[in-house]
């Protein structure tokens, strides 16, 4: 899977943005679920969708890409 370079063109849903914020703050799956009032499996689904949109395979790579792009600020 090719990593998407132009993040300005990627649309994240509001909930995906919430999950991204938690990822960038170092929160784990259970804590993210608790903070957002959703199940852990729903957090996993949103995280998987984010990874597909970014073309990467790990949460760590998601964080790297977002921080490098400036979206993590």
PDB file of N, CA and C in Angstrom:
ATOM      1  N   UNK A   1       0.835  -1.178   0.000  1.00  0.00           N
ATOM      2  CA  UNK A   1       0.000   0.000   0.000  1.00  0.00           C
ATOM      3  C   UNK A   1       0.886   1.250   0.000  1.00  0.00           C
ATOM      4  N   UNK A   2       0.629   2.177  -0.886  1.00  0.00           N
ATOM      5  CA  UNK A   2       1.416   3.407  -0.977  1.00  0.00           C
ATOM      6  C   UNK A   2       0.941   4.404   0.074  1.00  0.00           C
ATOM      7  N   UNK A   3       1.889   5.015   0.751  1.00  0.00           N
ATOM      8  CA  UNK A   3       1.557   6.006   1.765  1.00  0.00           C
ATOM      9  C   UNK A   3       1.120   7.290   1.094  1.00  0.00           C
ATOM     10  N   UNK A   4      -0.019   7.805   1.520  1.00  0.00           N
ATOM     11  CA  UNK A   4      -0.550   9.052   0.955  1.00  0.00           C
ATOM     12  C   UNK A   4       0.293  10.218   1.451  1.00  0.00           C
ATOM     13  N   UNK A   5       0.812  10.983   0.546  1.00  0.00           N
ATOM     14  CA  UNK A   5       1.675  12.120   0.893  1.00  0.00           C
ATOM     15  C   UNK A   5       0.892  13.419   1.060  1.00  0.00           C
ATOM     16  N   UNK A   6      -0.139  13.626   0.268  1.00  0.00           N
ATOM     17  CA  UNK A   6      -0.879  14.872   0.306  1.00  0.00           C
ATOM     18  C   UNK A   6      -2.063  14.746   1.262  1.00  0.00           C
ATOM     19  N   UNK A   7      -1.797  14.993   2.526  1.00  0.00           N
ATOM     20  CA  UNK A   7      -2.822  14.789   3.551  1.00  0.00           C
ATOM     21  C   UNK A   7      -3.947  15.813   3.487  1.00  0.00           C
ATOM     22  N   UNK A   8      -3.703  16.899   2.789  1.00  0.00           N
ATOM     23  CA  UNK A   8      -4.750  17.915   2.674  1.00  0.00           C
ATOM     24  C   UNK A   8      -5.969  17.373   1.935  1.00  0.00           C
ATOM     25  N   UNK A   9      -5.769  16.384   1.094  1.00  0.00           N
ATOM     26  CA  UNK A   9      -6.859  15.824   0.307  1.00  0.00           C
ATOM     27  C   UNK A   9      -7.609  14.701   1.028  1.00  0.00           C
ATOM     28  N   UNK A  10      -7.097  14.261   2.152  1.00  0.00           N
ATOM     29  CA  UNK A  10      -7.730  13.157   2.878  1.00  0.00           C
ATOM     30  C   UNK A  10      -8.775  13.725   3.826  1.00  0.00           C
ATOM     31  N   UNK A  11      -9.979  13.177   3.750  1.00  0.00           N
ATOM     32  CA  UNK A  11     -11.053  13.588   4.649  1.00  0.00           C
ATOM     33  C   UNK A  11     -11.171  12.573   5.784  1.00  0.00           C
ATOM     34  N   UNK A  12     -11.045  13.060   7.006  1.00  0.00           N
ATOM     35  CA  UNK A  12     -11.272  12.241   8.185  1.00  0.00           C
ATOM     36  C   UNK A  12     -12.610  12.642   8.787  1.00  0.00           C
ATOM     37  N   UNK A  13     -13.406  11.652   9.174  1.00  0.00           N
ATOM     38  CA  UNK A  13     -14.674  11.957   9.838  1.00  0.00           C
ATOM     39  C   UNK A  13     -14.392  12.616  11.178  1.00  0.00           C
ATOM     40  N   UNK A  14     -15.413  13.206  11.754  1.00  0.00           N
ATOM     41  CA  UNK A  14     -15.257  13.841  13.069  1.00  0.00           C
ATOM     42  C   UNK A  14     -14.744  12.834  14.087  1.00  0.00           C
ATOM     43  N   UNK A  15     -15.293  11.618  14.065  1.00  0.00           N
ATOM     44  CA  UNK A  15     -14.885  10.611  15.032  1.00  0.00           C
ATOM     45  C   UNK A  15     -13.456  10.130  14.767  1.00  0.00           C
ATOM     46  N   UNK A  16     -13.081  10.022  13.497  1.00  0.00           N
ATOM     47  CA  UNK A  16     -11.698   9.679  13.182  1.00  0.00           C
ATOM     48  C   UNK A  16     -10.757  10.766  13.692  1.00  0.00           C
ATOM     49  N   UNK A  17     -11.160  12.015  13.577  1.00  0.00           N
ATOM     50  CA  UNK A  17     -10.352  13.115  14.107  1.00  0.00           C
ATOM     51  C   UNK A  17     -10.217  13.013  15.624  1.00  0.00           C
ATOM     52  N   UNK A  18     -11.286  12.602  16.291  1.00  0.00           N
ATOM     53  CA  UNK A  18     -11.231  12.399  17.746  1.00  0.00           C
ATOM     54  C   UNK A  18     -10.232  11.301  18.101  1.00  0.00           C
ATOM     55  N   UNK A  19     -10.283  10.204  17.350  1.00  0.00           N
ATOM     56  CA  UNK A  19      -9.357   9.092  17.589  1.00  0.00           C
ATOM     57  C   UNK A  19      -7.927   9.533  17.290  1.00  0.00           C
ATOM     58  N   UNK A  20      -7.724  10.284  16.221  1.00  0.00           N
ATOM     59  CA  UNK A  20      -6.399  10.805  15.894  1.00  0.00           C
ATOM     60  C   UNK A  20      -5.862  11.651  17.044  1.00  0.00           C
ATOM     61  N   UNK A  21      -6.693  12.501  17.593  1.00  0.00           N
ATOM     62  CA  UNK A  21      -6.272  13.341  18.713  1.00  0.00           C
ATOM     63  C   UNK A  21      -5.806  12.485  19.886  1.00  0.00           C
ATOM     64  N   UNK A  22      -6.550  11.437  20.178  1.00  0.00           N
ATOM     65  CA  UNK A  22      -6.163  10.540  21.274  1.00  0.00           C
ATOM     66  C   UNK A  22      -4.851   9.826  20.966  1.00  0.00           C
ATOM     67  N   UNK A  23      -4.692   9.371  19.716  1.00  0.00           N
ATOM     68  CA  UNK A  23      -3.443   8.726  19.312  1.00  0.00           C
ATOM     69  C   UNK A  23      -2.259   9.671  19.520  1.00  0.00           C
ATOM     70  N   UNK A  24      -2.442  10.909  19.082  1.00  0.00           N
ATOM     71  CA  UNK A  24      -1.362  11.887  19.177  1.00  0.00           C
ATOM     72  C   UNK A  24      -1.035  12.273  20.616  1.00  0.00           C
ATOM     73  N   UNK A  25      -1.986  12.054  21.511  1.00  0.00           N
ATOM     74  CA  UNK A  25      -1.749  12.314  22.931  1.00  0.00           C
ATOM     75  C   UNK A  25      -1.288  11.064  23.679  1.00  0.00           C
ATOM     76  N   UNK A  26      -1.020   9.992  22.918  1.00  0.00           N
ATOM     77  CA  UNK A  26      -0.465   8.784  23.509  1.00  0.00           C
ATOM     78  C   UNK A  26      -1.460   7.917  24.255  1.00  0.00           C
ATOM     79  N   UNK A  27      -2.733   8.140  24.014  1.00  0.00           N
ATOM     80  CA  UNK A  27      -3.742   7.351  24.719  1.00  0.00           C
ATOM     81  C   UNK A  27      -3.926   5.996  24.049  1.00  0.00           C
ATOM     82  N   UNK A  28      -4.115   4.994  24.856  1.00  0.00           N
ATOM     83  CA  UNK A  28      -4.317   3.637  24.354  1.00  0.00           C
ATOM     84  C   UNK A  28      -5.756   3.404  23.943  1.00  0.00           C
ATOM     85  N   UNK A  29      -5.992   2.204  23.482  1.00  0.00           N
ATOM     86  CA  UNK A  29      -7.292   1.799  22.973  1.00  0.00           C
ATOM     87  C   UNK A  29      -8.399   1.952  24.013  1.00  0.00           C
ATOM     88  N   UNK A  30      -8.178   1.398  25.187  1.00  0.00           N
ATOM     89  CA  UNK A  30      -9.219   1.428  26.226  1.00  0.00           C
ATOM     90  C   UNK A  30      -9.486   2.845  26.719  1.00  0.00           C
ATOM     91  N   UNK A  31      -8.429   3.610  26.914  1.00  0.00           N
ATOM     92  CA  UNK A  31      -8.590   4.990  27.380  1.00  0.00           C
ATOM     93  C   UNK A  31      -9.305   5.830  26.327  1.00  0.00           C
ATOM     94  N   UNK A  32      -8.952   5.641  25.065  1.00  0.00           N
ATOM     95  CA  UNK A  32      -9.620   6.356  23.981  1.00  0.00           C
ATOM     96  C   UNK A  32     -11.105   6.024  23.963  1.00  0.00           C
ATOM     97  N   UNK A  33     -11.423   4.739  24.068  1.00  0.00           N
ATOM     98  CA  UNK A  33     -12.824   4.309  24.082  1.00  0.00           C
ATOM     99  C   UNK A  33     -13.574   4.949  25.246  1.00  0.00           C
ATOM    100  N   UNK A  34     -12.951   4.952  26.398  1.00  0.00           N
ATOM    101  CA  UNK A  34     -13.575   5.534  27.584  1.00  0.00           C
ATOM    102  C   UNK A  34     -13.806   7.037  27.402  1.00  0.00           C
ATOM    103  N   UNK A  35     -12.798   7.748  26.916  1.00  0.00           N
ATOM    104  CA  UNK A  35     -12.915   9.197  26.733  1.00  0.00           C
ATOM    105  C   UNK A  35     -13.982   9.571  25.709  1.00  0.00           C
ATOM    106  N   UNK A  36     -14.091   8.758  24.651  1.00  0.00           N
ATOM    107  CA  UNK A  36     -15.031   9.074  23.576  1.00  0.00           C
ATOM    108  C   UNK A  36     -16.411   8.453  23.791  1.00  0.00           C
ATOM    109  N   UNK A  37     -16.531   7.596  24.794  1.00  0.00           N
ATOM    110  CA  UNK A  37     -17.819   6.970  25.081  1.00  0.00           C
ATOM    111  C   UNK A  37     -18.240   5.957  24.033  1.00  0.00           C
ATOM    112  N   UNK A  38     -17.258   5.257  23.468  1.00  0.00           N
ATOM    113  CA  UNK A  38     -17.521   4.238  22.453  1.00  0.00           C
ATOM    114  C   UNK A  38     -16.795   2.956  22.864  1.00  0.00           C
ATOM    115  N   UNK A  39     -17.085   1.867  22.190  1.00  0.00           N
ATOM    116  CA  UNK A  39     -16.443   0.594  22.515  1.00  0.00           C
ATOM    117  C   UNK A  39     -15.020   0.541  21.961  1.00  0.00           C
ATOM    118  N   UNK A  40     -14.224  -0.342  22.535  1.00  0.00           N
ATOM    119  CA  UNK A  40     -12.860  -0.545  22.050  1.00  0.00           C
ATOM    120  C   UNK A  40     -12.856  -1.023  20.612  1.00  0.00           C
ATOM    121  N   UNK A  41     -13.832  -1.860  20.254  1.00  0.00           N
ATOM    122  CA  UNK A  41     -13.869  -2.351  18.873  1.00  0.00           C
ATOM    123  C   UNK A  41     -14.187  -1.219  17.888  1.00  0.00           C
ATOM    124  N   UNK A  42     -14.975  -0.247  18.331  1.00  0.00           N
ATOM    125  CA  UNK A  42     -15.254   0.908  17.473  1.00  0.00           C
ATOM    126  C   UNK A  42     -13.996   1.756  17.302  1.00  0.00           C
ATOM    127  N   UNK A  43     -13.222   1.909  18.360  1.00  0.00           N
ATOM    128  CA  UNK A  43     -11.947   2.630  18.254  1.00  0.00           C
ATOM    129  C   UNK A  43     -11.031   1.900  17.274  1.00  0.00           C
ATOM    130  N   UNK A  44     -10.989   0.572  17.366  1.00  0.00           N
ATOM    131  CA  UNK A  44     -10.173  -0.212  16.434  1.00  0.00           C
ATOM    132  C   UNK A  44     -10.624  -0.004  14.989  1.00  0.00           C
ATOM    133  N   UNK A  45     -11.929   0.038  14.770  1.00  0.00           N
ATOM    134  CA  UNK A  45     -12.459   0.267  13.424  1.00  0.00           C
ATOM    135  C   UNK A  45     -12.043   1.628  12.897  1.00  0.00           C
ATOM    136  N   UNK A  46     -12.192   2.671  13.719  1.00  0.00           N
ATOM    137  CA  UNK A  46     -11.789   4.017  13.295  1.00  0.00           C
ATOM    138  C   UNK A  46     -10.282   4.056  13.016  1.00  0.00           C
ATOM    139  N   UNK A  47      -9.501   3.407  13.868  1.00  0.00           N
ATOM    140  CA  UNK A  47      -8.047   3.379  13.687  1.00  0.00           C
ATOM    141  C   UNK A  47      -7.692   2.671  12.389  1.00  0.00           C
ATOM    142  N   UNK A  48      -8.351   1.569  12.107  1.00  0.00           N
ATOM    143  CA  UNK A  48      -8.123   0.834  10.863  1.00  0.00           C
ATOM    144  C   UNK A  48      -8.471   1.699   9.645  1.00  0.00           C
ATOM    145  N   UNK A  49      -9.588   2.422   9.727  1.00  0.00           N
ATOM    146  CA  UNK A  49      -9.982   3.314   8.637  1.00  0.00           C
ATOM    147  C   UNK A  49      -8.950   4.417   8.413  1.00  0.00           C
ATOM    148  N   UNK A  50      -8.428   4.957   9.492  1.00  0.00           N
ATOM    149  CA  UNK A  50      -7.385   5.985   9.405  1.00  0.00           C
ATOM    150  C   UNK A  50      -6.150   5.413   8.721  1.00  0.00           C
ATOM    151  N   UNK A  51      -5.755   4.198   9.124  1.00  0.00           N
ATOM    152  CA  UNK A  51      -4.573   3.573   8.534  1.00  0.00           C
ATOM    153  C   UNK A  51      -4.767   3.329   7.040  1.00  0.00           C
ATOM    154  N   UNK A  52      -5.956   2.904   6.640  1.00  0.00           N
ATOM    155  CA  UNK A  52      -6.244   2.694   5.219  1.00  0.00           C
ATOM    156  C   UNK A  52      -6.131   4.018   4.463  1.00  0.00           C
ATOM    157  N   UNK A  53      -6.713   5.070   5.010  1.00  0.00           N
ATOM    158  CA  UNK A  53      -6.673   6.377   4.340  1.00  0.00           C
ATOM    159  C   UNK A  53      -5.245   6.888   4.188  1.00  0.00           C
ATOM    160  N   UNK A  54      -4.396   6.578   5.171  1.00  0.00           N
ATOM    161  CA  UNK A  54      -3.005   7.040   5.130  1.00  0.00           C
ATOM    162  C   UNK A  54      -2.090   6.060   4.409  1.00  0.00           C
ATOM    163  N   UNK A  55      -2.579   4.846   4.171  1.00  0.00           N
ATOM    164  CA  UNK A  55      -1.774   3.844   3.490  1.00  0.00           C
ATOM    165  C   UNK A  55      -0.668   3.282   4.351  1.00  0.00           C
ATOM    166  N   UNK A  56      -0.935   3.111   5.632  1.00  0.00           N
ATOM    167  CA  UNK A  56       0.076   2.545   6.525  1.00  0.00           C
ATOM    168  C   UNK A  56      -0.527   1.400   7.337  1.00  0.00           C
ATOM    169  N   UNK A  57       0.337   0.701   8.077  1.00  0.00           N
ATOM    170  CA  UNK A  57      -0.092  -0.528   8.737  1.00  0.00           C
ATOM    171  C   UNK A  57      -0.002  -0.498  10.261  1.00  0.00           C
ATOM    172  N   UNK A  58       0.540   0.566  10.844  1.00  0.00           N
ATOM    173  CA  UNK A  58       0.681   0.601  12.298  1.00  0.00           C
ATOM    174  C   UNK A  58       0.224   1.938  12.862  1.00  0.00           C
ATOM    175  N   UNK A  59      -0.183   1.904  14.108  1.00  0.00           N
ATOM    176  CA  UNK A  59      -0.571   3.138  14.805  1.00  0.00           C
ATOM    177  C   UNK A  59       0.615   4.089  14.905  1.00  0.00           C
ATOM    178  N   UNK A  60       1.796   3.523  15.121  1.00  0.00           N
ATOM    179  CA  UNK A  60       3.001   4.341  15.244  1.00  0.00           C
ATOM    180  C   UNK A  60       3.270   5.112  13.955  1.00  0.00           C
ATOM    181  N   UNK A  61       3.049   4.450  12.821  1.00  0.00           N
ATOM    182  CA  UNK A  61       3.270   5.111  11.524  1.00  0.00           C
ATOM    183  C   UNK A  61       2.224   6.203  11.286  1.00  0.00           C
ATOM    184  N   UNK A  62       0.992   5.958  11.733  1.00  0.00           N
ATOM    185  CA  UNK A  62      -0.053   6.989  11.651  1.00  0.00           C
ATOM    186  C   UNK A  62       0.424   8.243  12.383  1.00  0.00           C
ATOM    187  N   UNK A  63       0.914   8.053  13.591  1.00  0.00           N
ATOM    188  CA  UNK A  63       1.386   9.185  14.399  1.00  0.00           C
ATOM    189  C   UNK A  63       2.542   9.894  13.692  1.00  0.00           C
ATOM    190  N   UNK A  64       3.501   9.131  13.179  1.00  0.00           N
ATOM    191  CA  UNK A  64       4.641   9.722  12.457  1.00  0.00           C
ATOM    192  C   UNK A  64       4.177  10.566  11.275  1.00  0.00           C
ATOM    193  N   UNK A  65       3.301  10.002  10.472  1.00  0.00           N
ATOM    194  CA  UNK A  65       2.809  10.711   9.274  1.00  0.00           C
ATOM    195  C   UNK A  65       2.093  12.001   9.659  1.00  0.00           C
ATOM    196  N   UNK A  66       1.224  11.924  10.646  1.00  0.00           N
ATOM    197  CA  UNK A  66       0.451  13.103  11.043  1.00  0.00           C
ATOM    198  C   UNK A  66       1.336  14.172  11.659  1.00  0.00           C
ATOM    199  N   UNK A  67       2.304  13.763  12.472  1.00  0.00           N
ATOM    200  CA  UNK A  67       3.215  14.738  13.066  1.00  0.00           C
ATOM    201  C   UNK A  67       4.088  15.400  12.002  1.00  0.00           C
ATOM    202  N   UNK A  68       4.579  14.613  11.044  1.00  0.00           N
ATOM    203  CA  UNK A  68       5.424  15.165   9.976  1.00  0.00           C
ATOM    204  C   UNK A  68       4.661  16.104   9.071  1.00  0.00           C
ATOM    205  N   UNK A  69       3.364  15.850   8.922  1.00  0.00           N
ATOM    206  CA  UNK A  69       2.549  16.671   8.024  1.00  0.00           C
ATOM    207  C   UNK A  69       2.105  17.986   8.667  1.00  0.00           C
ATOM    208  N   UNK A  70       2.248  18.077   9.975  1.00  0.00           N
ATOM    209  CA  UNK A  70       1.779  19.260  10.679  1.00  0.00           C
ATOM    210  C   UNK A  70       0.365  19.105  11.197  1.00  0.00           C
ATOM    211  N   UNK A  71      -0.305  18.018  10.838  1.00  0.00           N
ATOM    212  CA  UNK A  71      -1.672  17.795  11.335  1.00  0.00           C
ATOM    213  C   UNK A  71      -1.665  17.357  12.791  1.00  0.00           C
ATOM    214  N   UNK A  72      -0.515  16.972  13.257  1.00  0.00           N
ATOM    215  CA  UNK A  72      -0.427  16.538  14.643  1.00  0.00           C
ATOM    216  C   UNK A  72      -0.211  17.671  15.621  1.00  0.00           C
ATOM    217  N   UNK A  73      -0.142  18.882  15.118  1.00  0.00           N
ATOM    218  CA  UNK A  73       0.096  20.040  16.001  1.00  0.00           C
ATOM    219  C   UNK A  73      -1.191  20.589  16.542  1.00  0.00           C
TER     220      UNK A  73
END
